[in-house]
Amino acid sequence: MIIVFSNDQTVSVLPDIDSVHRECEAVDVEDGAYRFFDESGRHLLVHWTSFVERRSLFGGSESVGGGRFELELDPKDDGSGFEVSLSNVVALVPNPTFETIEDLARYVSANRH
């Protein structure tokens, strides 16, 4: 399970990295639009395996594509990032596991090591 906090003050609960790739565009991940945590509230860092490509097009517009990433535990995580991110959430994206933000908070608290 991967918990995704978005800059739009929502939180999503996704089952795996493939779901993260489908739901979170690489260019937005690169721009810092998301923060990722595991089921224990541990911060996950983005590790790029191929970078987002940006190309300038005629007329001043830009083409953006590519980009692939994995997520890995942050060795410097002190455990406070999840609570800070959760305190800024205004909505939980509907999912099959949690009905409320409080349900998610209780689950993560119970999984803390």
PDB file of N, CA and C in Angstrom:
ATOM      1  N   MET A   1       0.844  -1.172   0.000  1.00  0.00           N
ATOM      2  CA  MET A   1       0.000   0.000   0.000  1.00  0.00           C
ATOM      3  C   MET A   1       0.891   1.238   0.000  1.00  0.00           C
ATOM      4  N   ILE A   2       0.532   2.195  -0.861  1.00  0.00           N
ATOM      5  CA  ILE A   2       1.256   3.454  -0.936  1.00  0.00           C
ATOM      6  C   ILE A   2       0.265   4.588  -0.721  1.00  0.00           C
ATOM      7  N   ILE A   3       0.586   5.456   0.221  1.00  0.00           N
ATOM      8  CA  ILE A   3      -0.266   6.591   0.562  1.00  0.00           C
ATOM      9  C   ILE A   3       0.316   7.812  -0.139  1.00  0.00           C
ATOM     10  N   VAL A   4      -0.533   8.490  -0.922  1.00  0.00           N
ATOM     11  CA  VAL A   4      -0.075   9.585  -1.763  1.00  0.00           C
ATOM     12  C   VAL A   4      -0.777  10.877  -1.355  1.00  0.00           C
ATOM     13  N   PHE A   5       0.003  11.831  -0.879  1.00  0.00           N
ATOM     14  CA  PHE A   5      -0.517  13.160  -0.558  1.00  0.00           C
ATOM     15  C   PHE A   5      -0.256  14.063  -1.757  1.00  0.00           C
ATOM     16  N   SER A   6      -1.286  14.748  -2.183  1.00  0.00           N
ATOM     17  CA  SER A   6      -1.190  15.625  -3.337  1.00  0.00           C
ATOM     18  C   SER A   6      -1.199  17.087  -2.907  1.00  0.00           C
ATOM     19  N   ASN A   7      -0.612  17.946  -3.719  1.00  0.00           N
ATOM     20  CA  ASN A   7      -0.611  19.377  -3.417  1.00  0.00           C
ATOM     21  C   ASN A   7      -2.010  19.984  -3.411  1.00  0.00           C
ATOM     22  N   ASP A   8      -2.993  19.284  -3.955  1.00  0.00           N
ATOM     23  CA  ASP A   8      -4.371  19.794  -3.911  1.00  0.00           C
ATOM     24  C   ASP A   8      -5.065  19.458  -2.590  1.00  0.00           C
ATOM     25  N   GLN A   9      -4.278  19.012  -1.610  1.00  0.00           N
ATOM     26  CA  GLN A   9      -4.722  18.699  -0.248  1.00  0.00           C
ATOM     27  C   GLN A   9      -5.624  17.465  -0.180  1.00  0.00           C
ATOM     28  N   THR A  10      -5.425  16.530  -1.111  1.00  0.00           N
ATOM     29  CA  THR A  10      -6.118  15.244  -1.043  1.00  0.00           C
ATOM     30  C   THR A  10      -5.102  14.157  -0.726  1.00  0.00           C
ATOM     31  N   VAL A  11      -5.616  13.027  -0.257  1.00  0.00           N
ATOM     32  CA  VAL A  11      -4.776  11.864  -0.023  1.00  0.00           C
ATOM     33  C   VAL A  11      -5.431  10.676  -0.720  1.00  0.00           C
ATOM     34  N   SER A  12      -4.586   9.897  -1.410  1.00  0.00           N
ATOM     35  CA  SER A  12      -5.029   8.684  -2.096  1.00  0.00           C
ATOM     36  C   SER A  12      -4.329   7.493  -1.475  1.00  0.00           C
ATOM     37  N   VAL A  13      -5.003   6.369  -1.490  1.00  0.00           N
ATOM     38  CA  VAL A  13      -4.413   5.118  -1.026  1.00  0.00           C
ATOM     39  C   VAL A  13      -4.381   4.187  -2.228  1.00  0.00           C
ATOM     40  N   LEU A  14      -3.176   3.827  -2.660  1.00  0.00           N
ATOM     41  CA  LEU A  14      -2.999   3.003  -3.849  1.00  0.00           C
ATOM     42  C   LEU A  14      -2.351   1.679  -3.465  1.00  0.00           C
ATOM     43  N   PRO A  15      -2.723   0.603  -4.140  1.00  0.00           N
ATOM     44  CA  PRO A  15      -2.239  -0.711  -3.722  1.00  0.00           C
ATOM     45  C   PRO A  15      -0.769  -0.993  -4.019  1.00  0.00           C
ATOM     46  N   ASP A  16      -0.197  -0.376  -5.075  1.00  0.00           N
ATOM     47  CA  ASP A  16       1.162  -0.740  -5.472  1.00  0.00           C
ATOM     48  C   ASP A  16       1.765   0.340  -6.371  1.00  0.00           C
ATOM     49  N   ILE A  17       3.025   0.134  -6.736  1.00  0.00           N
ATOM     50  CA  ILE A  17       3.747   1.117  -7.546  1.00  0.00           C
ATOM     51  C   ILE A  17       3.137   1.252  -8.939  1.00  0.00           C
ATOM     52  N   ASP A  18       2.596   0.170  -9.494  1.00  0.00           N
ATOM     53  CA  ASP A  18       1.958   0.275 -10.806  1.00  0.00           C
ATOM     54  C   ASP A  18       0.776   1.237 -10.764  1.00  0.00           C
ATOM     55  N   SER A  19       0.025   1.194  -9.690  1.00  0.00           N
ATOM     56  CA  SER A  19      -1.100   2.126  -9.525  1.00  0.00           C
ATOM     57  C   SER A  19      -0.595   3.558  -9.385  1.00  0.00           C
ATOM     58  N   VAL A  20       0.513   3.740  -8.687  1.00  0.00           N
ATOM     59  CA  VAL A  20       1.104   5.074  -8.554  1.00  0.00           C
ATOM     60  C   VAL A  20       1.490   5.599  -9.930  1.00  0.00           C
ATOM     61  N   HIS A  21       2.105   4.752 -10.752  1.00  0.00           N
ATOM     62  CA  HIS A  21       2.494   5.176 -12.104  1.00  0.00           C
ATOM     63  C   HIS A  21       1.276   5.576 -12.934  1.00  0.00           C
ATOM     64  N   ARG A  22       0.169   4.884 -12.762  1.00  0.00           N
ATOM     65  CA  ARG A  22      -1.049   5.218 -13.520  1.00  0.00           C
ATOM     66  C   ARG A  22      -1.685   6.515 -13.033  1.00  0.00           C
ATOM     67  N   GLU A  23      -1.663   6.750 -11.727  1.00  0.00           N
ATOM     68  CA  GLU A  23      -2.370   7.889 -11.134  1.00  0.00           C
ATOM     69  C   GLU A  23      -1.540   9.172 -11.032  1.00  0.00           C
ATOM     70  N   CYS A  24      -0.243   9.040 -10.996  1.00  0.00           N
ATOM     71  CA  CYS A  24       0.640  10.198 -10.776  1.00  0.00           C
ATOM     72  C   CYS A  24       1.552  10.385 -11.984  1.00  0.00           C
ATOM     73  N   GLU A  25       1.291  11.405 -12.774  1.00  0.00           N
ATOM     74  CA  GLU A  25       2.124  11.655 -13.942  1.00  0.00           C
ATOM     75  C   GLU A  25       3.548  11.980 -13.521  1.00  0.00           C
ATOM     76  N   ALA A  26       4.500  11.421 -14.242  1.00  0.00           N
ATOM     77  CA  ALA A  26       5.912  11.598 -13.900  1.00  0.00           C
ATOM     78  C   ALA A  26       6.301  13.070 -13.838  1.00  0.00           C
ATOM     79  N   VAL A  27       5.787  13.875 -14.751  1.00  0.00           N
ATOM     80  CA  VAL A  27       6.134  15.302 -14.754  1.00  0.00           C
ATOM     81  C   VAL A  27       5.647  15.978 -13.470  1.00  0.00           C
ATOM     82  N   ASP A  28       4.481  15.579 -12.959  1.00  0.00           N
ATOM     83  CA  ASP A  28       3.975  16.136 -11.698  1.00  0.00           C
ATOM     84  C   ASP A  28       4.782  15.646 -10.507  1.00  0.00           C
ATOM     85  N   VAL A  29       5.222  14.387 -10.563  1.00  0.00           N
ATOM     86  CA  VAL A  29       6.085  13.860  -9.505  1.00  0.00           C
ATOM     87  C   VAL A  29       7.392  14.652  -9.489  1.00  0.00           C
ATOM     88  N   GLU A  30       7.959  14.874 -10.663  1.00  0.00           N
ATOM     89  CA  GLU A  30       9.198  15.646 -10.766  1.00  0.00           C
ATOM     90  C   GLU A  30       9.024  17.064 -10.219  1.00  0.00           C
ATOM     91  N   ASP A  31       7.858  17.648 -10.450  1.00  0.00           N
ATOM     92  CA  ASP A  31       7.575  19.009  -9.980  1.00  0.00           C
ATOM     93  C   ASP A  31       7.229  19.074  -8.494  1.00  0.00           C
ATOM     94  N   GLY A  32       7.186  17.926  -7.818  1.00  0.00           N
ATOM     95  CA  GLY A  32       6.953  17.906  -6.379  1.00  0.00           C
ATOM     96  C   GLY A  32       5.492  17.977  -5.971  1.00  0.00           C
ATOM     97  N   ALA A  33       4.591  17.570  -6.856  1.00  0.00           N
ATOM     98  CA  ALA A  33       3.154  17.642  -6.568  1.00  0.00           C
ATOM     99  C   ALA A  33       2.678  16.563  -5.600  1.00  0.00           C
ATOM    100  N   TYR A  34       3.519  15.561  -5.337  1.00  0.00           N
ATOM    101  CA  TYR A  34       3.111  14.446  -4.484  1.00  0.00           C
ATOM    102  C   TYR A  34       4.166  14.155  -3.421  1.00  0.00           C
ATOM    103  N   ARG A  35       3.684  13.620  -2.289  1.00  0.00           N
ATOM    104  CA  ARG A  35       4.529  13.066  -1.247  1.00  0.00           C
ATOM    105  C   ARG A  35       4.041  11.640  -1.006  1.00  0.00           C
ATOM    106  N   PHE A  36       4.951  10.699  -0.868  1.00  0.00           N
ATOM    107  CA  PHE A  36       4.607   9.287  -0.778  1.00  0.00           C
ATOM    108  C   PHE A  36       5.015   8.704   0.572  1.00  0.00           C
ATOM    109  N   PHE A  37       4.148   7.817   1.091  1.00  0.00           N
ATOM    110  CA  PHE A  37       4.400   7.139   2.355  1.00  0.00           C
ATOM    111  C   PHE A  37       3.947   5.690   2.243  1.00  0.00           C
ATOM    112  N   ASP A  38       4.548   4.818   3.059  1.00  0.00           N
ATOM    113  CA  ASP A  38       4.094   3.429   3.093  1.00  0.00           C
ATOM    114  C   ASP A  38       3.002   3.260   4.149  1.00  0.00           C
ATOM    115  N   GLU A  39       2.547   2.039   4.346  1.00  0.00           N
ATOM    116  CA  GLU A  39       1.426   1.754   5.258  1.00  0.00           C
ATOM    117  C   GLU A  39       1.760   2.002   6.722  1.00  0.00           C
ATOM    118  N   SER A  40       3.048   2.204   7.020  1.00  0.00           N
ATOM    119  CA  SER A  40       3.466   2.521   8.388  1.00  0.00           C
ATOM    120  C   SER A  40       3.736   4.009   8.569  1.00  0.00           C
ATOM    121  N   GLY A  41       3.438   4.794   7.540  1.00  0.00           N
ATOM    122  CA  GLY A  41       3.663   6.232   7.624  1.00  0.00           C
ATOM    123  C   GLY A  41       5.109   6.640   7.397  1.00  0.00           C
ATOM    124  N   ARG A  42       5.910   5.730   6.847  1.00  0.00           N
ATOM    125  CA  ARG A  42       7.311   6.050   6.560  1.00  0.00           C
ATOM    126  C   ARG A  42       7.410   6.727   5.198  1.00  0.00           C
ATOM    127  N   HIS A  43       8.180   7.796   5.148  1.00  0.00           N
ATOM    128  CA  HIS A  43       8.335   8.575   3.924  1.00  0.00           C
ATOM    129  C   HIS A  43       9.057   7.761   2.855  1.00  0.00           C
ATOM    130  N   LEU A  44       8.560   7.853   1.623  1.00  0.00           N
ATOM    131  CA  LEU A  44       9.176   7.179   0.487  1.00  0.00           C
ATOM    132  C   LEU A  44       9.760   8.227  -0.453  1.00  0.00           C
ATOM    133  N   LEU A  45      11.009   8.043  -0.818  1.00  0.00           N
ATOM    134  CA  LEU A  45      11.676   8.943  -1.746  1.00  0.00           C
ATOM    135  C   LEU A  45      11.504   8.457  -3.175  1.00  0.00           C
ATOM    136  N   VAL A  46      11.482   9.389  -4.097  1.00  0.00           N
ATOM    137  CA  VAL A  46      11.410   9.067  -5.523  1.00  0.00           C
ATOM    138  C   VAL A  46      12.830   8.796  -6.016  1.00  0.00           C
ATOM    139  N   HIS A  47      12.996   7.658  -6.663  1.00  0.00           N
ATOM    140  CA  HIS A  47      14.264   7.295  -7.299  1.00  0.00           C
ATOM    141  C   HIS A  47      13.983   7.177  -8.798  1.00  0.00           C
ATOM    142  N   TRP A  48      14.556   8.087  -9.573  1.00  0.00           N
ATOM    143  CA  TRP A  48      14.304   8.120 -11.016  1.00  0.00           C
ATOM    144  C   TRP A  48      15.138   7.054 -11.722  1.00  0.00           C
ATOM    145  N   THR A  49      14.468   6.224 -12.535  1.00  0.00           N
ATOM    146  CA  THR A  49      15.163   5.249 -13.368  1.00  0.00           C
ATOM    147  C   THR A  49      15.295   5.757 -14.795  1.00  0.00           C
ATOM    148  N   SER A  50      14.409   6.670 -15.202  1.00  0.00           N
ATOM    149  CA  SER A  50      14.562   7.439 -16.447  1.00  0.00           C
ATOM    150  C   SER A  50      13.867   8.773 -16.233  1.00  0.00           C
ATOM    151  N   PHE A  51      14.515   9.807 -16.671  1.00  0.00           N
ATOM    152  CA  PHE A  51      14.046  11.157 -16.369  1.00  0.00           C
ATOM    153  C   PHE A  51      12.986  11.641 -17.344  1.00  0.00           C
ATOM    154  N   VAL A  52      12.207  12.602 -16.889  1.00  0.00           N
ATOM    155  CA  VAL A  52      11.211  13.259 -17.713  1.00  0.00           C
ATOM    156  C   VAL A  52      11.949  14.041 -18.798  1.00  0.00           C
ATOM    157  N   GLU A  53      11.446  13.930 -20.019  1.00  0.00           N
ATOM    158  CA  GLU A  53      12.052  14.649 -21.138  1.00  0.00           C
ATOM    159  C   GLU A  53      11.186  15.843 -21.488  1.00  0.00           C
ATOM    160  N   ARG A  54      11.826  17.001 -21.586  1.00  0.00           N
ATOM    161  CA  ARG A  54      11.131  18.234 -21.962  1.00  0.00           C
ATOM    162  C   ARG A  54      11.780  18.758 -23.240  1.00  0.00           C
ATOM    163  N   ARG A  55      10.912  19.059 -24.212  1.00  0.00           N
ATOM    164  CA  ARG A  55      11.409  19.583 -25.481  1.00  0.00           C
ATOM    165  C   ARG A  55      10.641  20.851 -25.825  1.00  0.00           C
ATOM    166  N   SER A  56      11.380  21.857 -26.252  1.00  0.00           N
ATOM    167  CA  SER A  56      10.740  23.088 -26.710  1.00  0.00           C
ATOM    168  C   SER A  56      10.235  22.871 -28.133  1.00  0.00           C
ATOM    169  N   LEU A  57       9.015  23.332 -28.371  1.00  0.00           N
ATOM    170  CA  LEU A  57       8.409  23.207 -29.686  1.00  0.00           C
ATOM    171  C   LEU A  57       8.277  24.578 -30.323  1.00  0.00           C
ATOM    172  N   PHE A  58       8.030  24.562 -31.603  1.00  0.00           N
ATOM    173  CA  PHE A  58       7.819  25.802 -32.345  1.00  0.00           C
ATOM    174  C   PHE A  58       6.664  26.578 -31.720  1.00  0.00           C
ATOM    175  N   GLY A  59       6.808  27.867 -31.575  1.00  0.00           N
ATOM    176  CA  GLY A  59       5.754  28.699 -31.000  1.00  0.00           C
ATOM    177  C   GLY A  59       5.856  28.860 -29.501  1.00  0.00           C
ATOM    178  N   GLY A  60       6.925  28.338 -28.909  1.00  0.00           N
ATOM    179  CA  GLY A  60       7.130  28.533 -27.482  1.00  0.00           C
ATOM    180  C   GLY A  60       6.490  27.506 -26.569  1.00  0.00           C
ATOM    181  N   SER A  61       5.769  26.525 -27.118  1.00  0.00           N
ATOM    182  CA  SER A  61       5.172  25.507 -26.255  1.00  0.00           C
ATOM    183  C   SER A  61       6.213  24.429 -25.939  1.00  0.00           C
ATOM    184  N   GLU A  62       5.844  23.532 -25.063  1.00  0.00           N
ATOM    185  CA  GLU A  62       6.777  22.521 -24.584  1.00  0.00           C
ATOM    186  C   GLU A  62       6.127  21.146 -24.671  1.00  0.00           C
ATOM    187  N   SER A  63       6.900  20.165 -25.064  1.00  0.00           N
ATOM    188  CA  SER A  63       6.471  18.771 -25.072  1.00  0.00           C
ATOM    189  C   SER A  63       7.114  18.081 -23.875  1.00  0.00           C
ATOM    190  N   VAL A  64       6.318  17.365 -23.105  1.00  0.00           N
ATOM    191  CA  VAL A  64       6.820  16.671 -21.927  1.00  0.00           C
ATOM    192  C   VAL A  64       6.433  15.205 -22.039  1.00  0.00           C
ATOM    193  N   GLY A  65       7.378  14.312 -21.774  1.00  0.00           N
ATOM    194  CA  GLY A  65       7.070  12.892 -21.844  1.00  0.00           C
ATOM    195  C   GLY A  65       8.096  12.064 -21.106  1.00  0.00           C
ATOM    196  N   GLY A  66       7.807  10.790 -21.047  1.00  0.00           N
ATOM    197  CA  GLY A  66       8.731   9.865 -20.410  1.00  0.00           C
ATOM    198  C   GLY A  66       8.756  10.015 -18.903  1.00  0.00           C
ATOM    199  N   GLY A  67       9.803   9.512 -18.343  1.00  0.00           N
ATOM    200  CA  GLY A  67       9.976   9.557 -16.903  1.00  0.00           C
ATOM    201  C   GLY A  67       9.467   8.294 -16.248  1.00  0.00           C
ATOM    202  N   ARG A  68      10.338   7.651 -15.524  1.00  0.00           N
ATOM    203  CA  ARG A  68       9.973   6.441 -14.791  1.00  0.00           C
ATOM    204  C   ARG A  68      10.656   6.508 -13.439  1.00  0.00           C
ATOM    205  N   PHE A  69       9.951   6.100 -12.409  1.00  0.00           N
ATOM    206  CA  PHE A  69      10.512   6.190 -11.065  1.00  0.00           C
ATOM    207  C   PHE A  69      10.080   5.008 -10.229  1.00  0.00           C
ATOM    208  N   GLU A  70      10.852   4.779  -9.186  1.00  0.00           N
ATOM    209  CA  GLU A  70      10.531   3.809  -8.150  1.00  0.00           C
ATOM    210  C   GLU A  70      10.473   4.578  -6.835  1.00  0.00           C
ATOM    211  N   LEU A  71       9.995   3.929  -5.796  1.00  0.00           N
ATOM    212  CA  LEU A  71       9.928   4.552  -4.475  1.00  0.00           C
ATOM    213  C   LEU A  71      10.746   3.721  -3.504  1.00  0.00           C
ATOM    214  N   GLU A  72      11.508   4.413  -2.642  1.00  0.00           N
ATOM    215  CA  GLU A  72      12.325   3.711  -1.651  1.00  0.00           C
ATOM    216  C   GLU A  72      12.232   4.440  -0.319  1.00  0.00           C
ATOM    217  N   LEU A  73      12.407   3.703   0.758  1.00  0.00           N
ATOM    218  CA  LEU A  73      12.334   4.294   2.093  1.00  0.00           C
ATOM    219  C   LEU A  73      13.370   5.395   2.267  1.00  0.00           C
ATOM    220  N   ASP A  74      12.936   6.476   2.889  1.00  0.00           N
ATOM    221  CA  ASP A  74      13.811   7.598   3.192  1.00  0.00           C
ATOM    222  C   ASP A  74      14.610   7.257   4.456  1.00  0.00           C
ATOM    223  N   PRO A  75      15.933   7.088   4.356  1.00  0.00           N
ATOM    224  CA  PRO A  75      16.718   6.720   5.542  1.00  0.00           C
ATOM    225  C   PRO A  75      16.754   7.821   6.605  1.00  0.00           C
ATOM    226  N   LYS A  76      16.398   9.042   6.233  1.00  0.00           N
ATOM    227  CA  LYS A  76      16.418  10.160   7.178  1.00  0.00           C
ATOM    228  C   LYS A  76      15.037  10.467   7.755  1.00  0.00           C
ATOM    229  N   ASP A  77      14.064   9.614   7.467  1.00  0.00           N
ATOM    230  CA  ASP A  77      12.694   9.855   7.937  1.00  0.00           C
ATOM    231  C   ASP A  77      12.637   9.785   9.461  1.00  0.00           C
ATOM    232  N   ASP A  78      12.134  10.847  10.071  1.00  0.00           N
ATOM    233  CA  ASP A  78      11.998  10.861  11.528  1.00  0.00           C
ATOM    234  C   ASP A  78      10.580  10.512  11.980  1.00  0.00           C
ATOM    235  N   GLY A  79       9.702  10.205  11.026  1.00  0.00           N
ATOM    236  CA  GLY A  79       8.347   9.791  11.360  1.00  0.00           C
ATOM    237  C   GLY A  79       7.329  10.903  11.457  1.00  0.00           C
ATOM    238  N   SER A  80       7.755  12.145  11.370  1.00  0.00           N
ATOM    239  CA  SER A  80       6.812  13.252  11.541  1.00  0.00           C
ATOM    240  C   SER A  80       6.150  13.695  10.235  1.00  0.00           C
ATOM    241  N   GLY A  81       6.736  13.349   9.112  1.00  0.00           N
ATOM    242  CA  GLY A  81       6.223  13.810   7.820  1.00  0.00           C
ATOM    243  C   GLY A  81       4.810  13.362   7.523  1.00  0.00           C
ATOM    244  N   PHE A  82       4.469  12.145   7.931  1.00  0.00           N
ATOM    245  CA  PHE A  82       3.127  11.639   7.671  1.00  0.00           C
ATOM    246  C   PHE A  82       2.089  12.473   8.406  1.00  0.00           C
ATOM    247  N   GLU A  83       2.323  12.722   9.676  1.00  0.00           N
ATOM    248  CA  GLU A  83       1.361  13.497  10.464  1.00  0.00           C
ATOM    249  C   GLU A  83       1.207  14.918   9.929  1.00  0.00           C
ATOM    250  N   VAL A  84       2.319  15.536   9.534  1.00  0.00           N
ATOM    251  CA  VAL A  84       2.264  16.886   8.963  1.00  0.00           C
ATOM    252  C   VAL A  84       1.447  16.867   7.679  1.00  0.00           C
ATOM    253  N   SER A  85       1.720  15.908   6.803  1.00  0.00           N
ATOM    254  CA  SER A  85       0.972  15.809   5.548  1.00  0.00           C
ATOM    255  C   SER A  85      -0.501  15.543   5.812  1.00  0.00           C
ATOM    256  N   LEU A  86      -0.791  14.651   6.760  1.00  0.00           N
ATOM    257  CA  LEU A  86      -2.180  14.314   7.076  1.00  0.00           C
ATOM    258  C   LEU A  86      -2.935  15.513   7.640  1.00  0.00           C
ATOM    259  N   SER A  87      -2.255  16.350   8.390  1.00  0.00           N
ATOM    260  CA  SER A  87      -2.927  17.504   8.991  1.00  0.00           C
ATOM    261  C   SER A  87      -3.374  18.533   7.951  1.00  0.00           C
ATOM    262  N   ASN A  88      -2.809  18.474   6.751  1.00  0.00           N
ATOM    263  CA  ASN A  88      -3.165  19.413   5.688  1.00  0.00           C
ATOM    264  C   ASN A  88      -4.208  18.876   4.715  1.00  0.00           C
ATOM    265  N   VAL A  89      -4.657  17.650   4.920  1.00  0.00           N
ATOM    266  CA  VAL A  89      -5.597  17.005   3.997  1.00  0.00           C
ATOM    267  C   VAL A  89      -7.024  17.505   4.223  1.00  0.00           C
ATOM    268  N   VAL A  90      -7.715  17.774   3.120  1.00  0.00           N
ATOM    269  CA  VAL A  90      -9.121  18.162   3.205  1.00  0.00           C
ATOM    270  C   VAL A  90     -10.048  17.070   2.668  1.00  0.00           C
ATOM    271  N   ALA A  91      -9.480  16.101   1.923  1.00  0.00           N
ATOM    272  CA  ALA A  91     -10.333  15.042   1.380  1.00  0.00           C
ATOM    273  C   ALA A  91      -9.534  13.769   1.131  1.00  0.00           C
ATOM    274  N   LEU A  92     -10.195  12.657   1.351  1.00  0.00           N
ATOM    275  CA  LEU A  92      -9.663  11.334   1.045  1.00  0.00           C
ATOM    276  C   LEU A  92     -10.283  10.886  -0.272  1.00  0.00           C
ATOM    277  N   VAL A  93      -9.449  10.558  -1.249  1.00  0.00           N
ATOM    278  CA  VAL A  93      -9.957  10.055  -2.528  1.00  0.00           C
ATOM    279  C   VAL A  93     -10.620   8.706  -2.257  1.00  0.00           C
ATOM    280  N   PRO A  94     -11.852   8.504  -2.766  1.00  0.00           N
ATOM    281  CA  PRO A  94     -12.549   7.239  -2.513  1.00  0.00           C
ATOM    282  C   PRO A  94     -11.688   6.027  -2.875  1.00  0.00           C
ATOM    283  N   ASN A  95     -11.717   5.060  -1.977  1.00  0.00           N
ATOM    284  CA  ASN A  95     -10.937   3.843  -2.158  1.00  0.00           C
ATOM    285  C   ASN A  95     -11.660   2.707  -1.445  1.00  0.00           C
ATOM    286  N   PRO A  96     -11.311   1.454  -1.745  1.00  0.00           N
ATOM    287  CA  PRO A  96     -12.029   0.323  -1.138  1.00  0.00           C
ATOM    288  C   PRO A  96     -11.629  -0.007   0.295  1.00  0.00           C
ATOM    289  N   THR A  97     -10.611   0.658   0.844  1.00  0.00           N
ATOM    290  CA  THR A  97     -10.086   0.281   2.150  1.00  0.00           C
ATOM    291  C   THR A  97     -10.502   1.203   3.279  1.00  0.00           C
ATOM    292  N   PHE A  98     -10.496   2.511   3.047  1.00  0.00           N
ATOM    293  CA  PHE A  98     -10.754   3.480   4.110  1.00  0.00           C
ATOM    294  C   PHE A  98     -11.903   4.404   3.725  1.00  0.00           C
ATOM    295  N   GLU A  99     -12.819   4.610   4.672  1.00  0.00           N
ATOM    296  CA  GLU A  99     -13.943   5.511   4.421  1.00  0.00           C
ATOM    297  C   GLU A  99     -13.627   6.945   4.794  1.00  0.00           C
ATOM    298  N   THR A 100     -12.772   7.133   5.804  1.00  0.00           N
ATOM    299  CA  THR A 100     -12.483   8.478   6.287  1.00  0.00           C
ATOM    300  C   THR A 100     -10.981   8.671   6.488  1.00  0.00           C
ATOM    301  N   ILE A 101     -10.579   9.926   6.597  1.00  0.00           N
ATOM    302  CA  ILE A 101      -9.189  10.256   6.902  1.00  0.00           C
ATOM    303  C   ILE A 101      -8.808   9.680   8.263  1.00  0.00           C
ATOM    304  N   GLU A 102      -9.748   9.709   9.201  1.00  0.00           N
ATOM    305  CA  GLU A 102      -9.492   9.160  10.539  1.00  0.00           C
ATOM    306  C   GLU A 102      -9.227   7.655  10.480  1.00  0.00           C
ATOM    307  N   ASP A 103      -9.958   6.934   9.614  1.00  0.00           N
ATOM    308  CA  ASP A 103      -9.716   5.494   9.445  1.00  0.00           C
ATOM    309  C   ASP A 103      -8.289   5.246   8.964  1.00  0.00           C
ATOM    310  N   LEU A 104      -7.842   6.050   8.004  1.00  0.00           N
ATOM    311  CA  LEU A 104      -6.482   5.929   7.495  1.00  0.00           C
ATOM    312  C   LEU A 104      -5.464   6.228   8.597  1.00  0.00           C
ATOM    313  N   ALA A 105      -5.686   7.279   9.362  1.00  0.00           N
ATOM    314  CA  ALA A 105      -4.773   7.651  10.448  1.00  0.00           C
ATOM    315  C   ALA A 105      -4.672   6.535  11.478  1.00  0.00           C
ATOM    316  N   ARG A 106      -5.805   5.936  11.842  1.00  0.00           N
ATOM    317  CA  ARG A 106      -5.795   4.832  12.810  1.00  0.00           C
ATOM    318  C   ARG A 106      -5.024   3.623  12.273  1.00  0.00           C
ATOM    319  N   TYR A 107      -5.231   3.314  11.003  1.00  0.00           N
ATOM    320  CA  TYR A 107      -4.547   2.178  10.386  1.00  0.00           C
ATOM    321  C   TYR A 107      -3.029   2.377  10.416  1.00  0.00           C
ATOM    322  N   VAL A 108      -2.569   3.560  10.000  1.00  0.00           N
ATOM    323  CA  VAL A 108      -1.136   3.839   9.982  1.00  0.00           C
ATOM    324  C   VAL A 108      -0.581   3.795  11.409  1.00  0.00           C
ATOM    325  N   SER A 109      -1.282   4.368  12.352  1.00  0.00           N
ATOM    326  CA  SER A 109      -0.840   4.357  13.746  1.00  0.00           C
ATOM    327  C   SER A 109      -0.690   2.922  14.257  1.00  0.00           C
ATOM    328  N   ALA A 110      -1.606   2.048  13.895  1.00  0.00           N
ATOM    329  CA  ALA A 110      -1.547   0.658  14.336  1.00  0.00           C
ATOM    330  C   ALA A 110      -0.389  -0.102  13.667  1.00  0.00           C
ATOM    331  N   ASN A 111       0.080   0.369  12.519  1.00  0.00           N
ATOM    332  CA  ASN A 111       1.155  -0.297  11.791  1.00  0.00           C
ATOM    333  C   ASN A 111       2.529   0.270  12.085  1.00  0.00           C
ATOM    334  N   ARG A 112       2.606   1.290  12.925  1.00  0.00           N
ATOM    335  CA  ARG A 112       3.902   1.883  13.253  1.00  0.00           C
ATOM    336  C   ARG A 112       4.754   0.867  14.011  1.00  0.00           C
ATOM    337  N   HIS A 113       6.030   0.878  13.725  1.00  0.00           N
ATOM    338  CA  HIS A 113       6.966  -0.067  14.371  1.00  0.00           C
ATOM    339  C   HIS A 113       7.706   0.623  15.482  1.00  0.00           C
TER     340      HIS A 113
END
